[in-house]
Protein backbone atom coordinates (compact mmCIF):
# COMPACT_ATOMS: atom_id res chain seq x y z
CA MET A 1 118.34 222.49 219.92
CA ASP A 2 121.93 223.90 221.07
CA PHE A 3 122.92 227.03 222.63
CA TYR A 4 123.29 229.39 219.69
CA GLU A 5 119.82 228.25 218.32
CA LEU A 6 118.24 229.11 221.75
CA PHE A 7 120.08 232.45 221.63
CA ASN A 8 118.54 233.27 218.03
CA TRP A 9 115.23 232.35 219.24
CA GLY A 10 115.42 234.59 222.19
CA LEU A 11 116.47 237.46 219.89
CA LEU A 12 113.65 236.98 217.71
CA LEU A 13 111.06 236.78 220.55
CA VAL A 14 112.44 239.92 222.00
CA THR A 15 112.56 241.78 218.89
CA PHE A 16 108.87 240.49 218.15
CA ALA A 17 107.78 241.95 221.21
CA VAL A 18 109.24 245.46 220.41
CA MET A 19 107.69 245.57 216.97
CA ILE A 20 104.25 244.62 218.38
CA GLY A 21 104.78 247.03 221.13
CA ILE A 22 105.57 249.84 218.58
CA GLY A 23 102.54 248.74 216.60
CA PHE A 24 100.42 249.12 219.70
CA LEU A 25 101.64 252.63 220.76
CA SER A 26 101.40 253.77 217.03
CA SER A 27 97.69 252.54 217.06
CA ARG A 28 97.10 255.56 219.20
CA LYS A 29 97.44 257.90 216.02
CA VAL A 30 94.77 255.90 214.43
CA LYS A 31 91.22 256.86 215.27
CA ASP A 32 88.28 254.91 214.12
CA SER A 33 87.00 257.73 211.89
CA ASP A 34 90.51 259.00 210.68
CA GLU A 35 91.88 257.20 207.62
CA GLY A 36 94.77 259.64 207.44
CA GLY A 37 96.10 258.42 210.89
CA PHE A 38 96.24 254.70 209.37
CA LEU A 39 97.24 255.68 205.77
CA LEU A 40 99.60 258.44 206.49
CA ALA A 41 100.66 258.21 210.21
CA GLY A 42 98.54 261.37 210.74
CA ARG A 43 101.33 263.36 208.78
CA SER A 44 103.58 263.09 211.83
CA LEU A 45 107.09 261.89 210.51
CA GLY A 46 109.92 264.04 211.48
CA ALA A 47 113.37 264.14 209.62
CA PHE A 48 114.94 261.19 211.12
CA VAL A 49 112.17 258.84 211.22
CA GLY A 50 111.19 259.85 207.72
CA ALA A 51 114.63 259.36 206.48
CA SER A 52 115.03 255.96 208.31
CA THR A 53 111.83 254.43 206.80
CA ILE A 54 112.74 255.81 203.35
CA VAL A 55 116.29 254.23 203.41
CA ALA A 56 115.09 251.13 205.31
CA THR A 57 112.49 250.58 202.53
CA GLY A 58 114.80 251.45 199.55
CA PHE A 59 117.52 249.12 200.46
CA SER A 60 116.12 246.39 202.74
CA GLY A 61 115.78 242.84 201.11
CA TRP A 62 117.37 243.97 197.82
CA GLY A 63 120.51 245.51 199.71
CA PHE A 64 121.26 242.52 201.85
CA MET A 65 120.12 239.58 200.15
CA GLY A 66 119.63 240.62 196.27
CA SER A 67 122.76 242.76 195.81
CA PRO A 68 125.23 240.29 197.24
CA ALA A 69 123.77 237.68 194.96
CA VAL A 70 124.00 239.99 191.98
CA ALA A 71 127.86 240.75 192.97
CA TYR A 72 128.44 237.12 193.32
CA GLU A 73 127.07 236.30 189.93
CA PHE A 74 127.92 239.34 187.83
CA GLY A 75 130.84 241.04 189.61
CA ALA A 76 131.87 244.32 190.70
CA ILE A 77 129.48 246.17 188.41
CA GLU A 78 126.79 245.74 191.17
CA LEU A 79 128.92 247.92 193.40
CA LEU A 80 128.46 250.80 191.27
CA GLY A 81 124.93 250.10 190.51
CA ASN A 82 123.91 249.77 194.09
CA PHE A 83 125.94 253.03 195.00
CA PHE A 84 123.73 255.05 192.90
CA PHE A 85 120.60 254.47 195.17
CA ALA A 86 121.75 256.88 198.02
CA PRO A 87 122.43 259.87 196.00
CA ALA A 88 119.34 259.28 193.91
CA ILE A 89 117.04 259.01 196.92
CA MET A 90 118.57 262.07 198.45
CA ILE A 91 118.00 264.15 195.33
CA ALA A 92 114.32 262.94 195.08
CA VAL A 93 113.87 264.22 198.91
CA LEU A 94 115.69 267.50 198.37
CA PHE A 95 113.95 268.34 195.14
CA PHE A 96 110.84 266.65 194.81
CA ALA A 97 109.27 265.79 198.20
CA ASN A 98 108.24 269.21 199.40
CA HIS A 99 106.30 269.97 196.09
CA MET A 100 104.65 266.65 196.18
CA GLN A 101 103.73 267.00 200.01
CA ASN A 102 102.29 270.57 199.49
CA ARG A 103 100.09 269.41 196.74
CA ALA A 104 98.80 266.39 198.61
CA ILE A 105 97.90 268.41 201.82
CA HIS A 106 96.08 271.00 199.66
CA MET A 107 93.91 268.30 197.90
CA GLY A 108 93.80 266.00 200.99
CA SER A 109 95.47 262.95 199.37
CA ASN A 110 96.01 260.01 201.52
CA THR A 111 97.54 257.68 198.96
CA ILE A 112 99.31 257.94 195.55
CA PRO A 113 96.44 256.51 193.54
CA GLU A 114 94.14 259.08 195.25
CA TYR A 115 96.78 261.75 194.41
CA ILE A 116 96.78 260.82 190.93
CA GLY A 117 92.89 260.93 190.75
CA GLN A 118 92.65 264.45 192.48
CA ILE A 119 95.55 265.93 190.53
CA HIS A 120 93.91 265.29 187.19
CA GLY A 121 90.49 266.83 188.29
CA GLY A 122 88.66 264.20 190.54
CA GLY A 123 85.16 263.49 189.53
CA ALA A 124 84.33 260.37 187.49
CA GLY A 125 87.63 260.50 185.49
CA GLY A 126 89.41 260.94 188.73
CA ARG A 127 87.92 257.84 190.20
CA LEU A 128 88.80 255.89 187.09
CA LEU A 129 92.31 257.01 187.24
CA GLN A 130 92.33 256.04 191.02
CA GLY A 131 91.01 252.65 190.52
CA VAL A 132 93.31 251.77 187.54
CA ALA A 133 96.45 252.95 189.70
CA ALA A 134 95.23 251.15 192.62
CA PHE A 135 94.81 247.84 190.65
CA MET A 136 98.28 248.19 189.06
CA THR A 137 99.66 248.76 192.53
CA ILE A 138 98.13 245.75 193.96
CA ILE A 139 99.04 243.41 191.20
CA LEU A 140 102.64 244.54 190.93
CA LEU A 141 103.53 245.01 194.63
CA MET A 142 102.12 241.69 195.48
CA VAL A 143 104.62 240.25 192.96
CA PHE A 144 107.22 242.11 194.91
CA LEU A 145 105.98 241.29 198.24
CA VAL A 146 106.40 237.58 197.13
CA SER A 147 110.04 237.99 196.63
CA GLN A 148 110.32 239.80 200.07
CA ILE A 149 108.52 237.05 201.94
CA LYS A 150 110.68 234.36 200.13
CA ALA A 151 113.81 236.38 201.04
CA VAL A 152 112.97 236.62 204.80
CA GLY A 153 111.74 233.04 205.08
CA MET A 154 114.96 231.80 203.45
CA LEU A 155 117.11 233.74 205.91
CA GLY A 156 115.00 232.98 208.78
CA ALA A 157 115.01 229.30 208.04
CA SER A 158 118.75 228.82 208.04
CA TRP A 159 118.96 231.09 211.20
CA LEU A 160 116.37 229.29 213.24
CA ASN A 161 117.09 225.84 211.52
CA ILE A 162 113.47 225.38 210.70
CA GLU A 163 111.72 224.83 207.24
CA MET A 164 111.54 227.80 204.94
CA THR A 165 107.49 227.79 204.80
CA SER A 166 107.40 227.90 208.57
CA SER A 167 109.89 230.69 208.87
CA ALA A 168 107.90 232.72 206.15
CA TRP A 169 104.65 231.84 208.27
CA LEU A 170 106.41 233.35 211.38
CA MET A 171 107.92 236.45 210.01
CA ILE A 172 104.84 237.58 207.93
CA SER A 173 102.56 237.00 210.83
CA VAL A 174 104.39 239.36 213.01
CA ILE A 175 104.36 241.95 210.16
CA ILE A 176 100.71 241.60 209.71
CA LEU A 177 100.08 242.22 213.33
CA TYR A 178 102.00 245.43 213.81
CA THR A 179 100.97 246.85 210.45
CA MET A 180 97.30 246.06 211.32
CA LEU A 181 97.69 247.80 214.58
CA GLY A 182 99.26 251.14 213.74
CA GLY A 183 99.26 251.51 209.86
CA LEU A 184 101.97 253.68 208.42
CA ALA A 185 103.12 254.95 212.05
CA ALA A 186 103.89 251.68 213.05
CA VAL A 187 105.66 250.86 209.59
CA ALA A 188 107.84 254.08 210.02
CA TRP A 189 108.81 253.47 213.76
CA THR A 190 109.64 249.93 213.19
CA ASP A 191 111.73 250.76 210.01
CA THR A 192 113.59 253.33 212.23
CA VAL A 193 114.61 250.67 214.73
CA MET A 194 115.47 248.37 211.81
CA VAL A 195 117.51 250.75 209.79
CA CYS A 196 119.76 251.48 212.82
CA GLY A 197 120.36 247.57 213.02
CA MET A 198 121.13 247.44 209.34
CA ALA A 199 123.68 250.17 209.67
CA LEU A 200 125.23 248.52 212.52
CA ALA A 201 125.36 245.23 210.57
CA ALA A 202 126.96 247.03 207.80
CA ILE A 203 129.84 248.41 209.76
CA VAL A 204 130.49 245.04 211.39
CA ILE A 205 130.52 243.19 208.19
CA MET A 206 133.00 245.76 206.47
CA VAL A 207 135.30 245.43 209.55
CA GLN A 208 135.42 241.73 209.44
CA MET A 209 135.98 241.43 205.70
CA PHE A 210 138.61 244.31 205.45
CA THR A 211 140.54 242.96 208.49
CA SER A 212 140.62 239.32 207.46
CA VAL A 213 142.25 239.37 204.07
CA ASP A 214 144.74 241.21 202.04
CA LEU A 215 143.18 243.31 199.20
CA GLY A 216 145.74 242.06 196.80
CA LEU A 217 144.88 238.33 197.44
CA TRP A 218 141.30 239.29 197.26
CA GLU A 219 141.85 240.85 193.69
CA ALA A 220 144.17 238.00 192.58
CA ASN A 221 141.38 235.26 193.56
CA LEU A 222 138.70 237.08 191.72
CA ASN A 223 140.98 237.34 188.68
CA ALA A 224 141.82 233.75 188.66
CA ILE A 225 138.13 232.76 188.93
CA ASN A 226 136.95 235.20 186.12
CA PRO A 227 138.83 238.62 185.20
CA SER A 228 135.42 240.02 184.22
CA LEU A 229 134.23 239.92 187.73
CA LEU A 230 136.63 243.14 188.33
CA ASN A 231 136.83 244.35 184.95
CA PRO A 232 133.24 243.66 183.41
CA GLU A 233 132.99 243.62 179.50
CA THR A 234 129.12 244.76 180.12
CA ALA A 235 126.89 246.13 182.62
CA ALA A 236 124.83 242.93 182.92
CA PRO A 237 122.37 242.56 184.56
CA TYR A 238 121.65 246.31 183.92
CA GLY A 239 122.36 246.16 180.14
CA GLN A 240 124.95 245.12 177.56
CA SER A 241 126.68 248.43 177.19
CA LYS A 242 128.92 249.14 180.04
CA GLY A 243 127.53 252.59 180.24
CA SER A 244 124.05 250.90 181.13
CA VAL A 245 124.87 250.80 184.78
CA PHE A 246 124.66 254.68 184.97
CA LEU A 247 120.82 254.12 184.17
CA VAL A 248 120.69 253.10 187.70
CA LEU A 249 120.93 256.74 188.84
CA PRO A 250 117.48 257.99 187.27
CA TYR A 251 115.98 254.68 187.71
CA ALA A 252 116.69 254.95 191.47
CA PHE A 253 115.49 258.67 191.62
CA LEU A 254 112.18 257.64 189.83
CA PHE A 255 112.08 254.76 192.19
CA ALA A 256 112.02 256.99 195.29
CA ALA A 257 109.91 259.68 193.79
CA VAL A 258 107.24 257.84 191.99
CA LEU A 259 106.56 254.37 193.40
CA PRO A 260 103.65 254.25 195.78
CA TYR A 261 105.17 252.46 198.69
CA MET A 262 108.22 255.07 198.62
CA ALA A 263 106.39 258.31 197.54
CA ILE A 264 103.81 257.88 200.36
CA ARG A 265 106.58 258.85 202.64
CA PHE A 266 106.67 262.22 201.23
CA LEU A 267 102.88 262.72 202.09
CA ALA A 268 103.46 261.67 205.64
CA PHE A 269 106.07 264.14 206.59
CA LYS A 270 105.28 266.92 209.14
CA PRO A 271 104.36 269.92 207.25
CA ASN A 272 107.14 271.97 208.89
CA VAL A 273 109.92 269.27 208.45
CA LYS A 274 113.27 270.41 207.05
CA MET A 275 114.05 268.43 203.83
CA HIS A 276 117.72 269.10 203.91
CA LYS A 277 117.96 267.38 207.28
CA VAL A 278 115.95 264.39 205.75
CA GLY A 279 118.57 264.60 202.86
CA ILE A 280 121.60 264.59 205.16
CA TYR A 281 120.22 261.34 207.09
CA VAL A 282 119.43 259.80 203.94
CA ALA A 283 122.89 260.33 202.67
CA ILE A 284 124.79 258.85 205.80
CA LEU A 285 122.45 255.88 206.01
CA GLY A 286 122.45 255.22 202.35
CA ALA A 287 126.13 255.35 202.15
CA LEU A 288 126.75 252.69 204.88
CA LEU A 289 124.28 250.32 203.18
CA SER A 290 125.66 250.75 199.60
CA LEU A 291 128.76 248.84 200.72
CA ILE A 292 126.88 245.53 201.48
CA PRO A 293 127.38 243.97 197.81
CA LEU A 294 131.06 243.56 198.66
CA VAL A 295 129.80 240.43 200.58
CA GLY A 296 129.13 238.94 197.15
CA LEU A 297 132.68 239.46 195.88
CA TYR A 298 134.28 238.30 199.23
CA MET A 299 132.16 235.08 199.05
CA ARG A 300 133.30 234.40 195.39
CA ALA A 301 136.87 234.90 196.22
CA PHE A 302 136.88 233.10 199.66
CA GLY A 303 133.83 231.20 200.38
CA PRO A 304 132.51 227.80 199.15
CA GLN A 305 131.08 227.56 195.56
CA LEU A 306 127.36 228.22 195.74
CA ALA A 307 124.71 226.85 193.48
CA ASP A 308 122.25 229.57 194.30
CA PRO A 309 123.69 232.95 194.28
CA ASP A 310 120.72 234.08 196.58
CA SER A 311 122.51 232.13 199.43
CA ALA A 312 125.53 234.27 199.21
CA MET A 313 124.73 236.43 202.48
CA PRO A 314 123.48 233.50 204.49
CA MET A 315 126.54 231.44 203.41
CA TYR A 316 128.90 234.38 204.47
CA LEU A 317 127.42 234.73 207.86
CA GLN A 318 127.51 231.04 208.62
CA THR A 319 131.20 230.67 207.15
CA PHE A 320 132.95 233.71 208.25
CA MET A 321 131.26 235.01 211.56
CA HIS A 322 131.05 233.60 215.15
CA PRO A 323 127.77 232.15 215.87
CA ALA A 324 126.50 234.76 218.34
CA LEU A 325 127.37 237.47 215.94
CA GLN A 326 126.13 235.79 213.02
CA GLY A 327 122.81 235.66 214.97
CA ILE A 328 122.70 239.29 215.65
CA ILE A 329 123.56 240.24 212.21
CA THR A 330 121.03 238.04 210.60
CA LEU A 331 118.49 239.40 212.75
CA PHE A 332 119.48 242.92 211.58
CA ILE A 333 118.99 241.64 207.90
CA ILE A 334 115.69 239.98 208.56
CA PHE A 335 114.81 243.68 209.97
CA ALA A 336 115.91 244.79 206.49
CA MET A 337 113.75 242.66 204.60
CA LYS A 338 110.77 243.29 206.78
CA SER A 339 111.17 247.04 206.29
CA THR A 340 110.18 246.58 202.66
CA ALA A 341 107.78 243.82 203.06
CA ASN A 342 105.80 245.97 205.77
CA SER A 343 105.79 248.83 203.39
CA MET A 344 104.35 247.01 200.50
CA LEU A 345 101.73 245.32 202.64
CA HIS A 346 100.72 248.61 203.99
CA THR A 347 100.59 250.07 200.39
CA VAL A 348 98.74 247.20 198.78
CA ALA A 349 96.24 247.18 201.73
CA SER A 350 95.60 250.88 201.30
CA ALA A 351 95.01 250.50 197.62
CA THR A 352 92.49 247.86 198.10
CA SER A 353 90.59 249.17 201.14
CA HIS A 354 90.77 252.89 200.33
CA ASP A 355 91.38 253.59 196.70
CA LEU A 356 89.21 250.62 195.21
CA ARG A 357 86.48 251.47 197.60
CA LEU A 358 86.40 255.02 196.71
CA ALA A 359 86.90 254.39 192.85
CA LEU A 360 84.20 251.65 192.74
CA ASN A 361 81.60 253.29 194.77
CA LYS A 362 80.91 257.10 194.05
CA HIS A 363 79.01 257.55 197.19
CA ALA A 364 81.70 256.06 199.43
CA GLU A 365 83.41 258.46 201.93
CA VAL A 366 86.91 259.11 203.34
CA ASP A 367 86.80 258.73 207.04
CA SER A 368 83.59 256.66 207.08
CA PRO A 369 82.88 254.69 210.25
CA HIS A 370 83.86 251.46 209.13
CA ALA A 371 87.00 252.48 206.89
CA LEU A 372 89.45 251.61 209.58
CA THR A 373 88.12 247.98 209.91
CA VAL A 374 88.31 247.57 206.25
CA ASN A 375 91.91 248.82 206.11
CA ARG A 376 92.94 246.26 208.91
CA VAL A 377 91.08 243.57 207.15
CA ALA A 378 92.93 244.12 203.98
CA VAL A 379 96.29 244.06 205.72
CA VAL A 380 95.49 240.69 206.93
CA ALA A 381 94.04 239.22 203.83
CA LEU A 382 96.78 240.48 201.45
CA GLY A 383 99.69 239.41 203.74
CA LEU A 384 98.32 235.93 204.05
CA LEU A 385 97.63 235.99 200.20
CA GLY A 386 101.35 236.98 199.51
CA LEU A 387 102.41 234.05 201.83
CA LEU A 388 100.30 231.66 199.87
CA MET A 389 101.54 233.15 196.52
CA MET A 390 105.16 232.45 197.79
CA MET A 391 104.50 228.89 198.55
CA TYR A 392 103.36 227.92 195.23
CA ALA A 393 105.48 230.54 192.99
CA PRO A 394 107.98 228.69 190.74
CA PRO A 395 111.80 229.14 191.28
CA PHE A 396 113.00 232.77 190.59
CA MET A 397 115.72 235.14 191.39
CA LEU A 398 114.85 237.44 194.00
CA SER A 399 116.27 240.42 192.53
CA TRP A 400 114.71 240.04 189.08
CA LEU A 401 111.10 239.52 190.53
CA GLY A 402 111.76 242.71 192.67
CA ILE A 403 112.60 244.58 189.41
CA LEU A 404 109.71 243.16 187.50
CA GLY A 405 107.36 244.36 190.20
CA SER A 406 108.82 247.83 191.27
CA GLY A 407 110.16 248.60 187.69
CA THR A 408 106.82 247.96 186.00
CA LEU A 409 104.98 250.03 188.44
CA LEU A 410 107.38 252.89 187.88
CA ALA A 411 106.78 252.88 184.43
CA ALA A 412 103.05 253.12 184.78
CA MET A 413 103.10 255.84 187.31
CA ILE A 414 105.70 258.04 185.88
CA GLY A 415 103.52 260.31 183.85
CA PRO A 416 100.60 261.10 186.18
CA VAL A 417 102.86 261.32 189.47
CA PHE A 418 106.02 262.82 188.21
CA ILE A 419 105.67 264.53 184.71
CA SER A 420 102.40 265.99 186.03
CA THR A 421 104.67 267.99 188.41
CA PHE A 422 105.95 270.02 185.25
CA TRP A 423 103.25 269.63 182.70
CA GLN A 424 99.67 268.96 183.66
CA GLY A 425 98.04 266.45 181.40
CA ASN A 426 94.37 265.17 181.56
CA VAL A 427 92.58 261.82 182.41
CA ALA A 428 92.92 260.39 179.06
CA GLY A 429 96.70 261.02 178.97
CA ALA A 430 97.06 259.69 182.25
CA LEU A 431 94.99 256.57 181.64
CA VAL A 432 96.74 255.70 178.34
CA ALA A 433 100.22 256.55 179.75
CA MET A 434 99.72 254.08 182.60
CA LEU A 435 98.66 251.24 180.34
CA VAL A 436 101.56 251.83 178.05
CA GLY A 437 104.04 251.94 180.73
CA PHE A 438 102.70 248.77 182.52
CA PHE A 439 102.80 246.69 179.17
CA THR A 440 105.95 248.16 177.81
CA SER A 441 108.09 247.52 180.86
CA GLY A 442 106.47 244.27 181.91
CA GLY A 443 106.59 242.83 178.23
CA LEU A 444 110.27 243.61 177.88
CA LEU A 445 111.23 242.14 181.31
CA LEU A 446 109.21 238.90 180.69
CA SER A 447 109.88 238.31 176.97
CA THR A 448 113.45 239.71 176.35
CA ASP A 449 116.75 239.49 177.88
CA ILE A 450 116.99 243.20 178.27
CA GLY A 451 118.81 244.75 181.04
CA TRP A 452 117.13 245.07 184.45
CA VAL A 453 116.83 248.90 184.56
CA GLU A 454 116.70 249.25 180.76
CA GLY A 455 113.21 247.64 180.48
CA PRO A 456 111.65 249.87 183.06
CA LEU A 457 113.27 253.05 181.97
CA ILE A 458 112.18 252.34 178.29
CA GLY A 459 108.81 251.88 179.68
CA CYS A 460 109.09 255.23 181.62
CA LEU A 461 110.09 256.86 178.37
CA ALA A 462 107.01 255.34 176.34
CA SER A 463 104.74 256.38 179.10
CA SER A 464 105.93 259.89 179.66
CA ILE A 465 105.75 260.46 175.88
CA THR A 466 102.33 258.96 175.88
CA TYR A 467 101.02 261.22 178.70
CA VAL A 468 102.03 264.29 177.11
CA ALA A 469 101.06 263.13 173.38
CA VAL A 470 97.62 261.69 174.34
CA SER A 471 96.61 264.75 176.70
CA MET A 472 97.39 267.28 173.90
CA LEU A 473 95.48 265.40 171.24
CA THR A 474 92.57 264.79 173.34
CA ARG A 475 92.37 268.46 174.37
CA THR A 476 92.68 269.70 170.84
CA ARG A 477 89.69 267.50 169.83
CA VAL A 478 87.58 268.75 172.73
CA SER A 479 88.28 272.34 171.84
CA LEU A 480 87.85 272.30 168.11
CA PRO A 481 83.78 272.44 168.41
CA GLN A 482 84.01 275.44 170.69
CA ARG A 483 86.51 277.27 168.15
CA ALA A 484 84.01 276.38 165.31
CA ARG A 485 81.37 278.28 167.14
């Protein structure tokens, strides 16, 4: 083991100690009979911490591993697609977070599936919706979690010079430990540390690229390889029409406002937090991280030819960075991927230990004496399950698997979470809408070559129409006998 490998291991062990320490300190917000402390960080997130955890989770593994891979494979279209995420998330924070937070506080919602059940009347129908929403959340976010574990395992393996499986075991074990200790508070505070490192890494990478080559040479090299890299004929992988890339804006907005592992942050803010401050922090951090896809174009123009686009970022660091700087930036990128992995792990564990428990047992209680133990056991069990799924999963492109999980869940949840803000449906409408969104988006992504955002957005449209139509039809049928009397 040479000096720089020892240096990397030292960095890793120090940051592991910091993450676990944050988890231990965050555990003080978690009382034995208070699920809100574990599930929502005691509604204690301030403007900067809240913005940091939203941005870290939204960009993360996709931003540092997935988007450079897409830019390497498909070209400059990914720069525009990735850029839309920052303004979309900011719009969701400014115009949706406050409303959702207020309703959740009024109802006492601790999770998004619970919010769905309560906003549609509670009772037996509400428990049914909570259970179905929780089941979909578990299934689809476990798919996404597998892609995050693989991403962090791949990068950690090349960084530490160990096997990918060993790397994945090492990384997920620490995530499990601090998430189990502190719940969402630990996730949010570790995300804050992580996103500061991510922003610094983005600045260093931009300085290296733009000071090392002439822009004209960069352009000439890309055009010599394939003119469509800079002048795309389609918006692939987002769709065949050039305009399909603009669909990323509404997709990213709904991504932030509806997906359980993102929208749960809105419920965890302090009641008096100023959302415009959150929006400013989101804009600054998001703008920096939106530049990362340039690495893919840089590697395509000046780096070695890659058989696997997902290796664009690791190979960039190995080829163009000093070993010490490579180690530090790689650590920050591992931070990025952990920020989404810990969020999804916390969300699926909450859906399992809280939502399914309440949905399946009408006598179950929130804040019961053993609830916290169940929450923590779920974190461990599902984290290990995700690791095992990654080990036996067939080959896949990280970005596509992430879209399959998050995009399909988005299509399932849009009606009962987002449309209900403007037009209140009923239990039947919400249930059918979730099923239609699930099967429409999932079916399109799995069985066709449709664009990555087109499939989920078609699912969103189908789900939204179904939510309104079925709610209106079932209301009419219920009211007819009353009118007859």
